[in-house]
Amino acid sequence: MRLRSALWLLLVPVVLPTSAWAEIFVCRTPSGVMVTTDHLSTDCLRYGGKELNPDGSVRRLILTPQQQVEQDAQTRQQREVQEQQRRKQREQRALLTRFPDRATFDQSQRSDLQTPQSLIVSARQRLQRLADALKNLKQEALFYPDGNYPLELRNKFEENKLLTQQEQGLVAGQEQEMARIRAQYALLLPQLKPLWSRQATDRTESSSTP
């Protein structure tokens, strides 16, 4: 009985299937020759190679350090391109949400220009009043042909000059702001036109689909 048990134990490793397969590597040597081995050698890691499945198909490539660097760089570049594309798509969706059509675009531009235009109108009105006041001051100055104006009159001339400069600066600043707004919208329009066209096409195709 003991002999039968011993024989059975000896036969078990032979008849049971193995769950793992032998590793097969094809590695490049320093001289460039491809060598098949059953372990991952230093040559494989240094010069590259591949690991095979039992049926001979390639399980994975073993890259050299330089190839790994190049692959990592290519992967990063692909990710950057994909991220740029996603960012562009988000920007385009945001533009269409803000400006769904040309009428909305034009109305938005008029609205943005309204504040600086109003400030310019008010400043020019004040400039006109300052100009009228300056005429009166010059008329009053005629009583002092020698130019020896009293302190109060000199102060009024100085105040008029300072206020005029302030209002002129305000007008110039708001004109620059209007130019900036117009330039901003001028840059947006070429981006929006193809989006509006594509949107109109999509709607037409959607409505024509039964």
N, C-alpha and C. Protein backbone atom coordinates (compact mmCIF):
# COMPACT_ATOMS: atom_id res chain seq x y z
N MET A 1 0.83 -1.21 0.00
CA MET A 1 0.00 0.00 0.00
C MET A 1 0.86 1.25 0.00
N ARG A 2 1.93 1.23 0.82
CA ARG A 2 2.83 2.37 0.88
C ARG A 2 3.54 2.56 -0.46
N LEU A 3 3.87 1.45 -1.12
CA LEU A 3 4.54 1.52 -2.42
C LEU A 3 3.65 2.17 -3.46
N ARG A 4 2.35 1.82 -3.47
CA ARG A 4 1.40 2.44 -4.42
C ARG A 4 1.28 3.95 -4.19
N SER A 5 1.22 4.36 -2.91
CA SER A 5 1.11 5.79 -2.60
C SER A 5 2.33 6.54 -3.07
N ALA A 6 3.49 5.95 -2.89
CA ALA A 6 4.72 6.61 -3.31
C ALA A 6 4.76 6.77 -4.82
N LEU A 7 4.35 5.69 -5.54
CA LEU A 7 4.32 5.78 -7.00
C LEU A 7 3.33 6.84 -7.48
N TRP A 8 2.20 6.96 -6.81
CA TRP A 8 1.18 7.96 -7.19
C TRP A 8 1.70 9.38 -7.02
N LEU A 9 2.42 9.58 -5.92
CA LEU A 9 2.98 10.90 -5.67
C LEU A 9 4.03 11.26 -6.71
N LEU A 10 4.79 10.28 -7.16
CA LEU A 10 5.79 10.54 -8.18
C LEU A 10 5.16 10.88 -9.52
N LEU A 11 3.98 10.30 -9.79
CA LEU A 11 3.32 10.53 -11.07
C LEU A 11 2.56 11.85 -11.14
N VAL A 12 2.20 12.41 -10.00
CA VAL A 12 1.37 13.64 -9.98
C VAL A 12 2.00 14.78 -10.77
N PRO A 13 3.27 15.14 -10.56
CA PRO A 13 3.82 16.27 -11.33
C PRO A 13 3.82 16.03 -12.82
N VAL A 14 3.79 14.76 -13.23
CA VAL A 14 3.83 14.47 -14.66
C VAL A 14 2.47 14.66 -15.31
N VAL A 15 1.42 14.24 -14.64
CA VAL A 15 0.11 14.25 -15.26
C VAL A 15 -0.62 15.58 -15.08
N LEU A 16 -0.26 16.36 -14.03
CA LEU A 16 -0.97 17.64 -13.82
C LEU A 16 -0.44 18.69 -14.79
N PRO A 17 -1.33 19.50 -15.41
CA PRO A 17 -0.86 20.55 -16.34
C PRO A 17 -0.22 21.69 -15.56
N THR A 18 0.78 22.29 -16.13
CA THR A 18 1.42 23.45 -15.49
C THR A 18 0.61 24.69 -15.79
N SER A 19 0.52 25.61 -14.79
CA SER A 19 -0.27 26.84 -14.96
C SER A 19 0.55 27.96 -15.58
N ALA A 20 1.91 27.81 -15.59
CA ALA A 20 2.75 28.86 -16.15
C ALA A 20 3.53 28.32 -17.32
N TRP A 21 3.97 29.23 -18.23
CA TRP A 21 4.76 28.80 -19.36
C TRP A 21 6.18 29.33 -19.20
N ALA A 22 7.07 28.68 -19.87
CA ALA A 22 8.47 29.11 -19.81
C ALA A 22 8.62 30.44 -20.51
N GLU A 23 9.44 31.33 -19.92
CA GLU A 23 9.66 32.64 -20.52
C GLU A 23 10.61 32.50 -21.70
N ILE A 24 10.29 33.22 -22.78
CA ILE A 24 11.12 33.20 -23.97
C ILE A 24 11.45 34.64 -24.34
N PHE A 25 12.72 34.94 -24.42
CA PHE A 25 13.17 36.28 -24.77
C PHE A 25 14.07 36.19 -26.00
N VAL A 26 13.90 37.13 -26.89
CA VAL A 26 14.80 37.27 -28.03
C VAL A 26 15.51 38.60 -27.84
N CYS A 27 16.80 38.53 -27.56
CA CYS A 27 17.56 39.73 -27.17
C CYS A 27 18.66 40.03 -28.17
N ARG A 28 18.98 41.29 -28.29
CA ARG A 28 20.06 41.72 -29.17
C ARG A 28 21.36 41.81 -28.36
N THR A 29 22.40 41.28 -28.90
CA THR A 29 23.70 41.32 -28.25
C THR A 29 24.44 42.60 -28.66
N PRO A 30 25.54 42.91 -27.99
CA PRO A 30 26.30 44.11 -28.38
C PRO A 30 26.73 44.12 -29.84
N SER A 31 26.91 42.93 -30.42
CA SER A 31 27.31 42.85 -31.83
C SER A 31 26.13 42.94 -32.79
N GLY A 32 24.91 43.00 -32.24
CA GLY A 32 23.73 43.12 -33.08
C GLY A 32 23.05 41.81 -33.40
N VAL A 33 23.57 40.71 -32.91
CA VAL A 33 22.99 39.40 -33.17
C VAL A 33 21.80 39.17 -32.24
N MET A 34 20.71 38.59 -32.76
CA MET A 34 19.54 38.27 -31.96
C MET A 34 19.71 36.88 -31.36
N VAL A 35 19.57 36.78 -30.03
CA VAL A 35 19.78 35.53 -29.31
C VAL A 35 18.53 35.20 -28.51
N THR A 36 18.09 33.95 -28.55
CA THR A 36 16.94 33.50 -27.77
C THR A 36 17.42 32.97 -26.43
N THR A 37 16.73 33.39 -25.36
CA THR A 37 17.10 32.99 -24.01
C THR A 37 15.85 32.80 -23.18
N ASP A 38 16.01 32.15 -22.02
CA ASP A 38 14.85 31.90 -21.15
C ASP A 38 14.80 32.86 -19.97
N HIS A 39 15.59 33.94 -20.02
CA HIS A 39 15.57 34.93 -18.93
C HIS A 39 15.84 36.32 -19.51
N LEU A 40 15.43 37.31 -18.73
CA LEU A 40 15.62 38.70 -19.17
C LEU A 40 17.06 39.11 -18.87
N SER A 41 17.86 39.14 -19.89
CA SER A 41 19.29 39.40 -19.70
C SER A 41 19.60 40.90 -19.69
N THR A 42 20.82 41.19 -19.28
CA THR A 42 21.29 42.57 -19.29
C THR A 42 21.34 43.12 -20.71
N ASP A 43 21.70 42.26 -21.66
CA ASP A 43 21.74 42.68 -23.07
C ASP A 43 20.36 43.13 -23.54
N CYS A 44 19.32 42.40 -23.10
CA CYS A 44 17.95 42.78 -23.48
C CYS A 44 17.63 44.18 -22.99
N LEU A 45 17.98 44.45 -21.74
CA LEU A 45 17.67 45.75 -21.15
C LEU A 45 18.50 46.86 -21.78
N ARG A 46 19.71 46.51 -22.22
CA ARG A 46 20.60 47.54 -22.76
C ARG A 46 20.41 47.76 -24.25
N TYR A 47 20.23 46.66 -25.00
CA TYR A 47 20.19 46.77 -26.46
C TYR A 47 18.81 46.48 -27.06
N GLY A 48 17.85 46.08 -26.21
CA GLY A 48 16.50 45.85 -26.69
C GLY A 48 16.24 44.43 -27.13
N GLY A 49 14.95 44.12 -27.23
CA GLY A 49 14.55 42.78 -27.65
C GLY A 49 13.05 42.64 -27.53
N LYS A 50 12.60 41.41 -27.31
CA LYS A 50 11.17 41.18 -27.17
C LYS A 50 10.92 39.91 -26.38
N GLU A 51 9.77 39.87 -25.73
CA GLU A 51 9.35 38.68 -25.02
C GLU A 51 8.26 38.01 -25.84
N LEU A 52 8.34 36.67 -25.97
CA LEU A 52 7.41 35.93 -26.82
C LEU A 52 6.43 35.12 -25.99
N ASN A 53 5.26 34.89 -26.56
CA ASN A 53 4.30 33.94 -26.01
C ASN A 53 4.70 32.53 -26.42
N PRO A 54 4.10 31.53 -25.78
CA PRO A 54 4.45 30.15 -26.15
C PRO A 54 4.22 29.85 -27.63
N ASP A 55 3.26 30.54 -28.27
CA ASP A 55 3.00 30.26 -29.68
C ASP A 55 3.91 31.05 -30.62
N GLY A 56 4.84 31.80 -30.05
CA GLY A 56 5.79 32.54 -30.87
C GLY A 56 5.39 33.97 -31.15
N SER A 57 4.17 34.38 -30.78
CA SER A 57 3.75 35.76 -30.99
C SER A 57 4.42 36.67 -29.95
N VAL A 58 4.50 37.94 -30.28
CA VAL A 58 5.19 38.90 -29.41
C VAL A 58 4.28 39.28 -28.24
N ARG A 59 4.77 39.06 -27.05
CA ARG A 59 4.02 39.44 -25.85
C ARG A 59 4.26 40.90 -25.50
N ARG A 60 5.52 41.32 -25.58
CA ARG A 60 5.85 42.73 -25.34
C ARG A 60 7.22 43.03 -25.91
N LEU A 61 7.43 44.29 -26.26
CA LEU A 61 8.73 44.74 -26.73
C LEU A 61 9.54 45.23 -25.53
N ILE A 62 10.81 44.97 -25.58
CA ILE A 62 11.72 45.46 -24.54
C ILE A 62 12.55 46.57 -25.17
N LEU A 63 12.32 47.78 -24.74
CA LEU A 63 12.95 48.94 -25.37
C LEU A 63 14.30 49.24 -24.73
N THR A 64 15.18 49.80 -25.54
CA THR A 64 16.44 50.30 -25.00
C THR A 64 16.15 51.59 -24.22
N PRO A 65 17.07 52.02 -23.36
CA PRO A 65 16.84 53.29 -22.63
C PRO A 65 16.54 54.45 -23.57
N GLN A 66 17.26 54.53 -24.71
CA GLN A 66 17.03 55.61 -25.66
C GLN A 66 15.65 55.50 -26.30
N GLN A 67 15.27 54.27 -26.66
CA GLN A 67 13.94 54.07 -27.24
C GLN A 67 12.84 54.41 -26.24
N GLN A 68 13.08 54.10 -24.96
CA GLN A 68 12.10 54.42 -23.93
C GLN A 68 11.94 55.92 -23.78
N VAL A 69 13.08 56.64 -23.83
CA VAL A 69 13.03 58.11 -23.75
C VAL A 69 12.24 58.67 -24.93
N GLU A 70 12.51 58.15 -26.14
CA GLU A 70 11.81 58.63 -27.33
C GLU A 70 10.32 58.32 -27.27
N GLN A 71 9.99 57.11 -26.78
CA GLN A 71 8.58 56.75 -26.67
C GLN A 71 7.86 57.63 -25.65
N ASP A 72 8.53 57.91 -24.52
CA ASP A 72 7.93 58.78 -23.50
C ASP A 72 7.70 60.18 -24.07
N ALA A 73 8.68 60.67 -24.84
CA ALA A 73 8.54 62.00 -25.43
C ALA A 73 7.38 62.03 -26.43
N GLN A 74 7.26 60.97 -27.24
CA GLN A 74 6.16 60.89 -28.21
C GLN A 74 4.81 60.81 -27.50
N THR A 75 4.76 60.06 -26.40
CA THR A 75 3.51 59.95 -25.63
C THR A 75 3.12 61.30 -25.05
N ARG A 76 4.11 62.02 -24.50
CA ARG A 76 3.82 63.36 -23.95
C ARG A 76 3.32 64.30 -25.03
N GLN A 77 3.95 64.22 -26.21
CA GLN A 77 3.54 65.09 -27.31
C GLN A 77 2.10 64.78 -27.74
N GLN A 78 1.77 63.49 -27.82
CA GLN A 78 0.41 63.11 -28.19
C GLN A 78 -0.59 63.60 -27.15
N ARG A 79 -0.23 63.50 -25.87
CA ARG A 79 -1.12 63.97 -24.82
C ARG A 79 -1.31 65.49 -24.90
N GLU A 80 -0.22 66.20 -25.20
CA GLU A 80 -0.32 67.66 -25.32
C GLU A 80 -1.23 68.04 -26.49
N VAL A 81 -1.08 67.32 -27.62
CA VAL A 81 -1.94 67.59 -28.79
C VAL A 81 -3.40 67.33 -28.44
N GLN A 82 -3.65 66.22 -27.76
CA GLN A 82 -5.02 65.88 -27.37
C GLN A 82 -5.59 66.91 -26.41
N GLU A 83 -4.75 67.37 -25.47
CA GLU A 83 -5.20 68.38 -24.51
C GLU A 83 -5.50 69.70 -25.21
N GLN A 84 -4.67 70.06 -26.19
CA GLN A 84 -4.92 71.28 -26.96
C GLN A 84 -6.24 71.17 -27.72
N GLN A 85 -6.50 70.00 -28.29
CA GLN A 85 -7.75 69.80 -29.01
C GLN A 85 -8.95 69.90 -28.07
N ARG A 86 -8.83 69.29 -26.88
CA ARG A 86 -9.93 69.38 -25.91
C ARG A 86 -10.13 70.81 -25.44
N ARG A 87 -9.01 71.53 -25.21
CA ARG A 87 -9.11 72.92 -24.78
C ARG A 87 -9.76 73.78 -25.85
N LYS A 88 -9.39 73.53 -27.12
CA LYS A 88 -9.98 74.28 -28.23
C LYS A 88 -11.48 74.01 -28.32
N GLN A 89 -11.88 72.76 -28.13
CA GLN A 89 -13.30 72.41 -28.18
C GLN A 89 -14.06 73.09 -27.05
N ARG A 90 -13.45 73.14 -25.84
CA ARG A 90 -14.11 73.82 -24.72
C ARG A 90 -14.26 75.31 -25.01
N GLU A 91 -13.22 75.91 -25.59
CA GLU A 91 -13.28 77.33 -25.93
C GLU A 91 -14.36 77.60 -26.98
N GLN A 92 -14.45 76.71 -27.95
CA GLN A 92 -15.47 76.89 -29.00
C GLN A 92 -16.88 76.76 -28.42
N ARG A 93 -17.08 75.80 -27.53
CA ARG A 93 -18.40 75.65 -26.89
C ARG A 93 -18.73 76.89 -26.07
N ALA A 94 -17.72 77.43 -25.37
CA ALA A 94 -17.95 78.64 -24.56
C ALA A 94 -18.31 79.83 -25.46
N LEU A 95 -17.63 79.93 -26.61
CA LEU A 95 -17.93 81.02 -27.54
C LEU A 95 -19.35 80.92 -28.07
N LEU A 96 -19.75 79.70 -28.45
CA LEU A 96 -21.11 79.52 -28.97
C LEU A 96 -22.16 79.75 -27.90
N THR A 97 -21.83 79.43 -26.67
CA THR A 97 -22.77 79.70 -25.58
C THR A 97 -22.94 81.21 -25.39
N ARG A 98 -21.83 81.94 -25.48
CA ARG A 98 -21.89 83.40 -25.30
C ARG A 98 -22.47 84.10 -26.52
N PHE A 99 -22.08 83.62 -27.72
CA PHE A 99 -22.54 84.26 -28.96
C PHE A 99 -23.16 83.20 -29.86
N PRO A 100 -24.40 82.81 -29.63
CA PRO A 100 -25.02 81.76 -30.44
C PRO A 100 -25.29 82.17 -31.89
N ASP A 101 -25.31 83.49 -32.17
CA ASP A 101 -25.54 83.95 -33.54
C ASP A 101 -24.96 85.35 -33.70
N ARG A 102 -25.00 85.87 -34.95
CA ARG A 102 -24.40 87.17 -35.25
C ARG A 102 -25.14 88.31 -34.55
N ALA A 103 -26.44 88.20 -34.45
CA ALA A 103 -27.22 89.26 -33.81
C ALA A 103 -26.80 89.42 -32.34
N THR A 104 -26.62 88.32 -31.65
CA THR A 104 -26.18 88.37 -30.25
C THR A 104 -24.79 88.95 -30.15
N PHE A 105 -23.94 88.59 -31.10
CA PHE A 105 -22.56 89.11 -31.13
C PHE A 105 -22.56 90.63 -31.28
N ASP A 106 -23.32 91.14 -32.25
CA ASP A 106 -23.37 92.59 -32.48
C ASP A 106 -23.96 93.32 -31.28
N GLN A 107 -25.00 92.76 -30.69
CA GLN A 107 -25.61 93.39 -29.53
C GLN A 107 -24.64 93.44 -28.35
N SER A 108 -23.88 92.39 -28.17
CA SER A 108 -22.91 92.34 -27.08
C SER A 108 -21.82 93.40 -27.28
N GLN A 109 -21.39 93.58 -28.52
CA GLN A 109 -20.37 94.59 -28.79
C GLN A 109 -20.91 96.00 -28.52
N ARG A 110 -22.13 96.25 -28.95
CA ARG A 110 -22.73 97.57 -28.68
C ARG A 110 -22.86 97.80 -27.17
N SER A 111 -23.22 96.77 -26.45
CA SER A 111 -23.37 96.90 -24.99
C SER A 111 -22.04 97.20 -24.32
N ASP A 112 -20.97 96.51 -24.76
CA ASP A 112 -19.65 96.74 -24.18
C ASP A 112 -19.12 98.13 -24.50
N LEU A 113 -19.49 98.66 -25.66
CA LEU A 113 -19.03 100.00 -26.06
C LEU A 113 -19.84 101.11 -25.40
N GLN A 114 -20.99 100.78 -24.87
CA GLN A 114 -21.89 101.81 -24.36
C GLN A 114 -21.28 102.60 -23.20
N THR A 115 -20.63 101.93 -22.25
CA THR A 115 -20.07 102.63 -21.09
C THR A 115 -18.99 103.62 -21.48
N PRO A 116 -17.94 103.21 -22.23
CA PRO A 116 -16.94 104.21 -22.61
C PRO A 116 -17.51 105.32 -23.49
N GLN A 117 -18.48 105.01 -24.33
CA GLN A 117 -19.10 106.06 -25.14
C GLN A 117 -19.81 107.09 -24.26
N SER A 118 -20.51 106.62 -23.24
CA SER A 118 -21.22 107.53 -22.34
C SER A 118 -20.23 108.40 -21.57
N LEU A 119 -19.12 107.81 -21.13
CA LEU A 119 -18.11 108.58 -20.40
C LEU A 119 -17.48 109.64 -21.30
N ILE A 120 -17.28 109.31 -22.57
CA ILE A 120 -16.71 110.29 -23.50
C ILE A 120 -17.67 111.45 -23.72
N VAL A 121 -18.96 111.12 -23.91
CA VAL A 121 -19.96 112.18 -24.11
C VAL A 121 -20.00 113.12 -22.92
N SER A 122 -20.00 112.57 -21.71
CA SER A 122 -20.05 113.39 -20.50
C SER A 122 -18.79 114.24 -20.38
N ALA A 123 -17.63 113.65 -20.68
CA ALA A 123 -16.37 114.39 -20.58
C ALA A 123 -16.33 115.54 -21.58
N ARG A 124 -16.83 115.30 -22.79
CA ARG A 124 -16.82 116.36 -23.79
C ARG A 124 -17.78 117.49 -23.42
N GLN A 125 -18.86 117.14 -22.77
CA GLN A 125 -19.76 118.18 -22.28
C GLN A 125 -19.08 119.04 -21.22
N ARG A 126 -18.34 118.40 -20.32
CA ARG A 126 -17.61 119.16 -19.31
C ARG A 126 -16.51 120.00 -19.94
N LEU A 127 -15.88 119.45 -20.99
CA LEU A 127 -14.85 120.21 -21.69
C LEU A 127 -15.43 121.47 -22.34
N GLN A 128 -16.65 121.33 -22.86
CA GLN A 128 -17.29 122.50 -23.45
C GLN A 128 -17.57 123.56 -22.40
N ARG A 129 -18.03 123.12 -21.23
CA ARG A 129 -18.29 124.08 -20.15
C ARG A 129 -16.98 124.74 -19.68
N LEU A 130 -15.92 123.96 -19.64
CA LEU A 130 -14.62 124.53 -19.25
C LEU A 130 -14.13 125.52 -20.29
N ALA A 131 -14.38 125.22 -21.57
CA ALA A 131 -13.98 126.15 -22.64
C ALA A 131 -14.76 127.45 -22.53
N ASP A 132 -16.06 127.34 -22.23
CA ASP A 132 -16.87 128.56 -22.06
C ASP A 132 -16.38 129.37 -20.86
N ALA A 133 -16.03 128.64 -19.78
CA ALA A 133 -15.54 129.32 -18.58
C ALA A 133 -14.21 130.00 -18.88
N LEU A 134 -13.38 129.37 -19.70
CA LEU A 134 -12.09 129.98 -20.04
C LEU A 134 -12.28 131.28 -20.83
N LYS A 135 -13.28 131.29 -21.70
CA LYS A 135 -13.56 132.53 -22.44
C LYS A 135 -13.91 133.66 -21.48
N ASN A 136 -14.73 133.37 -20.49
CA ASN A 136 -15.11 134.38 -19.51
C ASN A 136 -13.90 134.86 -18.71
N LEU A 137 -13.01 133.91 -18.38
CA LEU A 137 -11.81 134.29 -17.63
C LEU A 137 -10.92 135.19 -18.48
N LYS A 138 -10.82 134.90 -19.77
CA LYS A 138 -10.01 135.74 -20.65
C LYS A 138 -10.61 137.13 -20.80
N GLN A 139 -11.96 137.18 -20.82
CA GLN A 139 -12.62 138.49 -20.86
C GLN A 139 -12.31 139.29 -19.60
N GLU A 140 -12.33 138.60 -18.47
CA GLU A 140 -12.02 139.27 -17.20
C GLU A 140 -10.57 139.71 -17.16
N ALA A 141 -9.71 138.92 -17.81
CA ALA A 141 -8.28 139.25 -17.79
C ALA A 141 -7.97 140.51 -18.60
N LEU A 142 -8.88 140.92 -19.48
CA LEU A 142 -8.66 142.12 -20.28
C LEU A 142 -8.57 143.37 -19.40
N PHE A 143 -9.12 143.28 -18.20
CA PHE A 143 -9.05 144.43 -17.29
C PHE A 143 -7.65 144.59 -16.70
N TYR A 144 -6.77 143.61 -16.99
CA TYR A 144 -5.40 143.68 -16.45
C TYR A 144 -4.43 143.53 -17.61
N PRO A 145 -4.32 144.59 -18.45
CA PRO A 145 -3.49 144.51 -19.65
C PRO A 145 -2.02 144.25 -19.36
N ASP A 146 -1.59 144.58 -18.16
CA ASP A 146 -0.18 144.35 -17.85
C ASP A 146 0.09 142.90 -17.43
N GLY A 147 -0.97 142.06 -17.38
CA GLY A 147 -0.80 140.66 -17.01
C GLY A 147 -0.63 140.43 -15.53
N ASN A 148 -0.77 141.45 -14.77
CA ASN A 148 -0.64 141.32 -13.32
C ASN A 148 -2.01 140.97 -12.72
N TYR A 149 -2.38 139.66 -12.91
CA TYR A 149 -3.70 139.22 -12.48
C TYR A 149 -3.74 139.04 -10.97
N PRO A 150 -4.90 139.28 -10.40
CA PRO A 150 -5.03 138.99 -8.97
C PRO A 150 -4.95 137.48 -8.71
N LEU A 151 -4.64 137.12 -7.48
CA LEU A 151 -4.44 135.71 -7.12
C LEU A 151 -5.67 134.86 -7.44
N GLU A 152 -6.85 135.37 -7.16
CA GLU A 152 -8.06 134.59 -7.41
C GLU A 152 -8.22 134.27 -8.88
N LEU A 153 -7.93 135.25 -9.76
CA LEU A 153 -8.05 135.01 -11.19
C LEU A 153 -7.00 134.01 -11.67
N ARG A 154 -5.78 134.14 -11.13
CA ARG A 154 -4.73 133.19 -11.50
C ARG A 154 -5.12 131.76 -11.09
N ASN A 155 -5.71 131.64 -9.93
CA ASN A 155 -6.13 130.32 -9.46
C ASN A 155 -7.22 129.72 -10.35
N LYS A 156 -8.11 130.59 -10.82
CA LYS A 156 -9.17 130.11 -11.70
C LYS A 156 -8.61 129.63 -13.03
N PHE A 157 -7.63 130.36 -13.56
CA PHE A 157 -6.98 129.92 -14.80
C PHE A 157 -6.29 128.55 -14.60
N GLU A 158 -5.59 128.40 -13.49
CA GLU A 158 -4.88 127.16 -13.21
C GLU A 158 -5.85 125.98 -13.02
N GLU A 159 -6.92 126.26 -12.30
CA GLU A 159 -7.92 125.21 -12.08
C GLU A 159 -8.56 124.78 -13.39
N ASN A 160 -8.87 125.75 -14.25
CA ASN A 160 -9.47 125.44 -15.55
C ASN A 160 -8.52 124.60 -16.38
N LYS A 161 -7.27 124.93 -16.34
CA LYS A 161 -6.27 124.18 -17.11
C LYS A 161 -6.16 122.73 -16.63
N LEU A 162 -6.10 122.55 -15.30
CA LEU A 162 -5.98 121.21 -14.74
C LEU A 162 -7.21 120.36 -15.05
N LEU A 163 -8.39 120.94 -14.88
CA LEU A 163 -9.62 120.21 -15.16
C LEU A 163 -9.73 119.84 -16.63
N THR A 164 -9.30 120.75 -17.48
CA THR A 164 -9.33 120.47 -18.93
C THR A 164 -8.41 119.30 -19.27
N GLN A 165 -7.22 119.29 -18.67
CA GLN A 165 -6.29 118.18 -18.91
C GLN A 165 -6.86 116.85 -18.42
N GLN A 166 -7.51 116.88 -17.28
CA GLN A 166 -8.12 115.66 -16.74
C GLN A 166 -9.19 115.11 -17.67
N GLU A 167 -10.06 116.01 -18.15
CA GLU A 167 -11.13 115.56 -19.03
C GLU A 167 -10.59 115.07 -20.37
N GLN A 168 -9.56 115.73 -20.87
CA GLN A 168 -8.94 115.29 -22.12
C GLN A 168 -8.29 113.91 -21.95
N GLY A 169 -7.67 113.69 -20.78
CA GLY A 169 -7.09 112.38 -20.48
C GLY A 169 -8.15 111.31 -20.38
N LEU A 170 -9.30 111.66 -19.78
CA LEU A 170 -10.40 110.70 -19.68
C LEU A 170 -10.90 110.32 -21.06
N VAL A 171 -11.06 111.30 -21.93
CA VAL A 171 -11.53 111.03 -23.30
C VAL A 171 -10.54 110.11 -24.03
N ALA A 172 -9.25 110.43 -23.92
CA ALA A 172 -8.24 109.62 -24.60
C ALA A 172 -8.25 108.18 -24.06
N GLY A 173 -8.37 108.04 -22.74
CA GLY A 173 -8.39 106.70 -22.15
C GLY A 173 -9.60 105.89 -22.59
N GLN A 174 -10.76 106.51 -22.65
CA GLN A 174 -11.96 105.79 -23.06
C GLN A 174 -11.96 105.48 -24.55
N GLU A 175 -11.33 106.34 -25.33
CA GLU A 175 -11.19 106.04 -26.77
C GLU A 175 -10.29 104.83 -26.97
N GLN A 176 -9.24 104.72 -26.16
CA GLN A 176 -8.38 103.54 -26.21
C GLN A 176 -9.15 102.29 -25.79
N GLU A 177 -10.00 102.45 -24.77
CA GLU A 177 -10.82 101.31 -24.32
C GLU A 177 -11.77 100.86 -25.43
N MET A 178 -12.37 101.79 -26.13
CA MET A 178 -13.26 101.43 -27.24
C MET A 178 -12.49 100.72 -28.36
N ALA A 179 -11.26 101.20 -28.63
CA ALA A 179 -10.44 100.56 -29.65
C ALA A 179 -10.09 99.13 -29.23
N ARG A 180 -9.81 98.94 -27.93
CA ARG A 180 -9.49 97.60 -27.42
C ARG A 180 -10.69 96.66 -27.57
N ILE A 181 -11.88 97.16 -27.24
CA ILE A 181 -13.09 96.35 -27.34
C ILE A 181 -13.35 95.96 -28.79
N ARG A 182 -13.23 96.93 -29.70
CA ARG A 182 -13.46 96.63 -31.12
C ARG A 182 -12.44 95.61 -31.63
N ALA A 183 -11.19 95.75 -31.20
CA ALA A 183 -10.15 94.80 -31.64
C ALA A 183 -10.44 93.40 -31.10
N GLN A 184 -10.92 93.34 -29.86
CA GLN A 184 -11.24 92.05 -29.26
C GLN A 184 -12.36 91.35 -30.04
N TYR A 185 -13.39 92.10 -30.36
CA TYR A 185 -14.49 91.51 -31.13
C TYR A 185 -14.06 91.17 -32.56
N ALA A 186 -13.15 91.98 -33.12
CA ALA A 186 -12.66 91.70 -34.47
C ALA A 186 -11.88 90.39 -34.50
N LEU A 187 -11.21 90.05 -33.42
CA LEU A 187 -10.50 88.77 -33.34
C LEU A 187 -11.45 87.60 -33.16
N LEU A 188 -12.54 87.83 -32.45
CA LEU A 188 -13.49 86.76 -32.19
C LEU A 188 -14.31 86.39 -33.43
N LEU A 189 -14.61 87.38 -34.26
CA LEU A 189 -15.52 87.15 -35.39
C LEU A 189 -15.03 86.05 -36.34
N PRO A 190 -13.73 86.05 -36.77
CA PRO A 190 -13.29 84.97 -37.66
C PRO A 190 -13.37 83.59 -37.01
N GLN A 191 -13.29 83.52 -35.68
CA GLN A 191 -13.41 82.23 -35.00
C GLN A 191 -14.87 81.77 -34.97
N LEU A 192 -15.77 82.73 -34.85
CA LEU A 192 -17.18 82.41 -34.70
C LEU A 192 -17.86 82.07 -36.02
N LYS A 193 -17.46 82.70 -37.10
CA LYS A 193 -18.15 82.49 -38.38
C LYS A 193 -18.20 81.01 -38.79
N PRO A 194 -17.07 80.27 -38.76
CA PRO A 194 -17.17 78.84 -39.12
C PRO A 194 -18.00 78.04 -38.11
N LEU A 195 -17.99 78.46 -36.85
CA LEU A 195 -18.80 77.76 -35.85
C LEU A 195 -20.28 77.96 -36.12
N TRP A 196 -20.66 79.19 -36.45
CA TRP A 196 -22.06 79.46 -36.80
C TRP A 196 -22.46 78.67 -38.04
N SER A 197 -21.57 78.64 -39.04
CA SER A 197 -21.87 77.92 -40.28
C SER A 197 -22.06 76.42 -40.00
N ARG A 198 -21.16 75.85 -39.21
CA ARG A 198 -21.27 74.43 -38.88
C ARG A 198 -22.53 74.15 -38.07
N GLN A 199 -22.84 75.08 -37.17
CA GLN A 199 -24.05 74.93 -36.35
C GLN A 199 -25.30 74.95 -37.22
N ALA A 200 -25.33 75.86 -38.20
CA ALA A 200 -26.48 75.95 -39.11
C ALA A 200 -26.60 74.68 -39.95
N THR A 201 -25.45 74.16 -40.40
CA THR A 201 -25.45 72.92 -41.19
C THR A 201 -25.99 71.75 -40.37
N ASP A 202 -25.52 71.66 -39.12
CA ASP A 202 -25.99 70.58 -38.25
C ASP A 202 -27.49 70.65 -38.03
N ARG A 203 -27.99 71.88 -37.84
CA ARG A 203 -29.44 72.04 -37.63
C ARG A 203 -30.22 71.63 -38.88
N THR A 204 -29.67 72.02 -40.05
CA THR A 204 -30.36 71.68 -41.30
C THR A 204 -30.41 70.16 -41.49
N GLU A 205 -29.26 69.52 -41.21
CA GLU A 205 -29.23 68.05 -41.37
C GLU A 205 -30.14 67.39 -40.37
N SER A 206 -30.19 67.95 -39.17
CA SER A 206 -31.05 67.37 -38.12
C SER A 206 -32.52 67.47 -38.46
N SER A 207 -32.89 68.63 -39.05
CA SER A 207 -34.29 68.84 -39.38
C SER A 207 -34.71 68.02 -40.60
N SER A 208 -33.75 67.70 -41.48
CA SER A 208 -34.07 66.94 -42.69
C SER A 208 -34.06 65.43 -42.44
N THR A 209 -33.52 65.01 -41.29
CA THR A 209 -33.47 63.58 -40.99
C THR A 209 -34.85 63.11 -40.52
N PRO A 210 -35.41 62.08 -41.17
CA PRO A 210 -36.78 61.64 -40.79
C PRO A 210 -36.76 60.98 -39.41
